[in-house]
C-alpha atoms as a PDB file:
ATOM      1  CA  MET A   1     115.091 113.269  48.389  1.00  0.00           C
ATOM      2  CA  ILE A   2     111.669 111.781  47.809  1.00  0.00           C
ATOM      3  CA  LYS A   3     109.752 110.752  50.910  1.00  0.00           C
ATOM      4  CA  LYS A   4     106.552 108.691  50.636  1.00  0.00           C
ATOM      5  CA  THR A   5     103.858 108.043  53.207  1.00  0.00           C
ATOM      6  CA  TYR A   6     100.927 105.769  52.380  1.00  0.00           C
ATOM      7  CA  LEU A   7      97.391 106.420  53.572  1.00  0.00           C
ATOM      8  CA  GLU A   8      96.092 102.920  52.897  1.00  0.00           C
ATOM      9  CA  LYS A   9      92.431 103.518  53.690  1.00  0.00           C
ATOM     10  CA  GLN A  10      92.308 106.508  51.349  1.00  0.00           C
ATOM     11  CA  GLY A  11      94.358 104.887  48.569  1.00  0.00           C
ATOM     12  CA  VAL A  12      96.723 107.844  48.683  1.00  0.00           C
ATOM     13  CA  CYS A  13     100.474 108.225  48.559  1.00  0.00           C
ATOM     14  CA  VAL A  14     101.695 111.464  50.145  1.00  0.00           C
ATOM     15  CA  VAL A  15     104.957 112.362  48.415  1.00  0.00           C
ATOM     16  CA  THR A  16     107.344 115.087  49.549  1.00  0.00           C
ATOM     17  CA  PHE A  17     109.791 116.159  46.858  1.00  0.00           C
ATOM     18  CA  ASN A  18     112.891 117.874  48.254  1.00  0.00           C
ATOM     19  CA  VAL A  19     115.770 118.975  46.007  1.00  0.00           C
ATOM     20  CA  LYS A  20     118.729 121.290  46.323  1.00  0.00           C
ATOM     21  CA  PHE A  21     119.633 123.795  43.619  1.00  0.00           C
ATOM     22  CA  GLU A  22     121.767 126.323  45.502  1.00  0.00           C
ATOM     23  CA  LYS A  23     121.960 128.927  42.728  1.00  0.00           C
ATOM     24  CA  ALA A  24     118.274 128.777  41.778  1.00  0.00           C
ATOM     25  CA  SER A  25     115.906 131.570  42.696  1.00  0.00           C
ATOM     26  CA  LYS A  26     112.774 129.597  41.762  1.00  0.00           C
ATOM     27  CA  VAL A  27     112.068 125.887  41.283  1.00  0.00           C
ATOM     28  CA  GLU A  28     108.819 124.451  39.987  1.00  0.00           C
ATOM     29  CA  ILE A  29     107.709 120.851  39.692  1.00  0.00           C
ATOM     30  CA  VAL A  30     105.772 119.615  36.675  1.00  0.00           C
ATOM     31  CA  GLY A  31     104.301 116.179  36.220  1.00  0.00           C
ATOM     32  CA  GLU A  32     101.630 113.906  34.899  1.00  0.00           C
ATOM     33  CA  TRP A  33      99.438 114.421  37.989  1.00  0.00           C
ATOM     34  CA  ASN A  34      98.790 118.060  36.981  1.00  0.00           C
ATOM     35  CA  ASN A  35      98.986 117.845  33.174  1.00  0.00           C
ATOM     36  CA  TRP A  36     102.556 119.231  33.274  1.00  0.00           C
ATOM     37  CA  THR A  37     101.478 122.568  34.769  1.00  0.00           C
ATOM     38  CA  PRO A  38     104.334 124.183  36.773  1.00  0.00           C
ATOM     39  CA  GLU A  39     103.780 124.342  40.539  1.00  0.00           C
ATOM     40  CA  THR A  40     106.097 126.570  42.569  1.00  0.00           C
ATOM     41  CA  MET A  41     108.028 124.746  45.258  1.00  0.00           C
ATOM     42  CA  LYS A  42     108.692 126.293  48.675  1.00  0.00           C
ATOM     43  CA  SER A  43     112.275 127.330  49.344  1.00  0.00           C
ATOM     44  CA  LYS A  44     114.560 127.022  52.351  1.00  0.00           C
ATOM     45  CA  ARG A  45     117.555 129.181  53.220  1.00  0.00           C
ATOM     46  CA  ASP A  46     119.999 126.384  52.406  1.00  0.00           C
ATOM     47  CA  GLY A  47     119.101 126.404  48.692  1.00  0.00           C
ATOM     48  CA  SER A  48     116.693 123.498  48.857  1.00  0.00           C
ATOM     49  CA  PHE A  49     113.132 123.455  47.553  1.00  0.00           C
ATOM     50  CA  TRP A  50     110.207 121.249  48.566  1.00  0.00           C
ATOM     51  CA  ILE A  51     106.573 120.467  47.875  1.00  0.00           C
ATOM     52  CA  THR A  52     104.185 117.791  49.092  1.00  0.00           C
ATOM     53  CA  LYS A  53     101.664 116.124  46.758  1.00  0.00           C
ATOM     54  CA  ARG A  54      98.850 113.639  47.401  1.00  0.00           C
ATOM     55  CA  LEU A  55      98.930 111.081  44.590  1.00  0.00           C
ATOM     56  CA  LYS A  56      96.867 107.999  43.866  1.00  0.00           C
ATOM     57  CA  LYS A  57      98.466 104.852  45.266  1.00  0.00           C
ATOM     58  CA  GLY A  58      99.428 102.072  42.835  1.00  0.00           C
ATOM     59  CA  ARG A  59     100.435 104.379  39.974  1.00  0.00           C
ATOM     60  CA  GLU A  60     103.601 105.764  38.431  1.00  0.00           C
ATOM     61  CA  TYR A  61     103.997 109.443  37.610  1.00  0.00           C
ATOM     62  CA  ARG A  62     106.520 111.153  35.331  1.00  0.00           C
ATOM     63  CA  PHE A  63     107.868 114.502  36.519  1.00  0.00           C
ATOM     64  CA  LYS A  64     110.666 117.053  36.162  1.00  0.00           C
ATOM     65  CA  TYR A  65     111.909 120.186  37.889  1.00  0.00           C
ATOM     66  CA  LEU A  66     111.870 123.541  36.079  1.00  0.00           C
ATOM     67  CA  ILE A  67     114.598 125.796  37.430  1.00  0.00           C
ATOM     68  CA  ASP A  68     114.325 129.565  37.004  1.00  0.00           C
ATOM     69  CA  GLY A  69     111.811 129.075  34.210  1.00  0.00           C
ATOM     70  CA  HIS A  70     114.176 127.565  31.628  1.00  0.00           C
ATOM     71  CA  ILE A  71     116.339 124.709  32.966  1.00  0.00           C
ATOM     72  CA  TRP A  72     114.816 121.210  33.106  1.00  0.00           C
ATOM     73  CA  GLU A  73     116.257 118.732  35.616  1.00  0.00           C
ATOM     74  CA  ASN A  74     115.467 115.226  36.789  1.00  0.00           C
ATOM     75  CA  ASP A  75     115.403 114.190  40.420  1.00  0.00           C
ATOM     76  CA  PRO A  76     118.661 112.399  41.311  1.00  0.00           C
ATOM     77  CA  GLN A  77     116.712 110.064  43.625  1.00  0.00           C
ATOM     78  CA  ALA A  78     113.782 109.242  41.345  1.00  0.00           C
ATOM     79  CA  ASP A  79     112.507 105.669  41.409  1.00  0.00           C
ATOM     80  CA  ARG A  80     113.461 105.351  37.757  1.00  0.00           C
ATOM     81  CA  TYR A  81     113.848 107.333  34.524  1.00  0.00           C
ATOM     82  CA  VAL A  82     112.025 106.926  31.220  1.00  0.00           C
ATOM     83  CA  PRO A  83     112.711 108.401  27.783  1.00  0.00           C
ATOM     84  CA  ASN A  84     110.586 111.349  26.712  1.00  0.00           C
ATOM     85  CA  PRO A  85     109.777 112.649  23.198  1.00  0.00           C
ATOM     86  CA  TYR A  86     112.307 115.492  23.575  1.00  0.00           C
ATOM     87  CA  GLY A  87     115.419 113.311  23.456  1.00  0.00           C
ATOM     88  CA  SER A  88     116.047 113.199  27.196  1.00  0.00           C
ATOM     89  CA  THR A  89     114.463 111.412  30.158  1.00  0.00           C
ATOM     90  CA  ASP A  90     111.808 112.107  32.768  1.00  0.00           C
ATOM     91  CA  SER A  91     111.958 111.191  36.435  1.00  0.00           C
ATOM     92  CA  VAL A  92     109.394 108.676  37.699  1.00  0.00           C
ATOM     93  CA  VAL A  93     107.934 108.348  41.178  1.00  0.00           C
ATOM     94  CA  ILE A  94     106.207 105.053  41.942  1.00  0.00           C
ATOM     95  CA  CYS A  95     103.382 105.333  44.477  1.00  0.00           C
END
């Protein structure tokens, strides 16, 4: 699930990314906002992982999840998907 809250006066979109990978021990998010540097997501007991990011409003950002350091996954609820140079797609969040 991707939840967005807009802070109009600041021009910011607060995005909470929440995904469930029950068998994962670690999930990281990587995206255009951080030059594709992995950021560890917080985990819950039910196998879900979450992180909140403050992104610039009016932009689109590509991102993916990195599971256990070697499995790349898209978000099933991304706003859209775009091809990447590796023969697959990236998730996109529109702020």
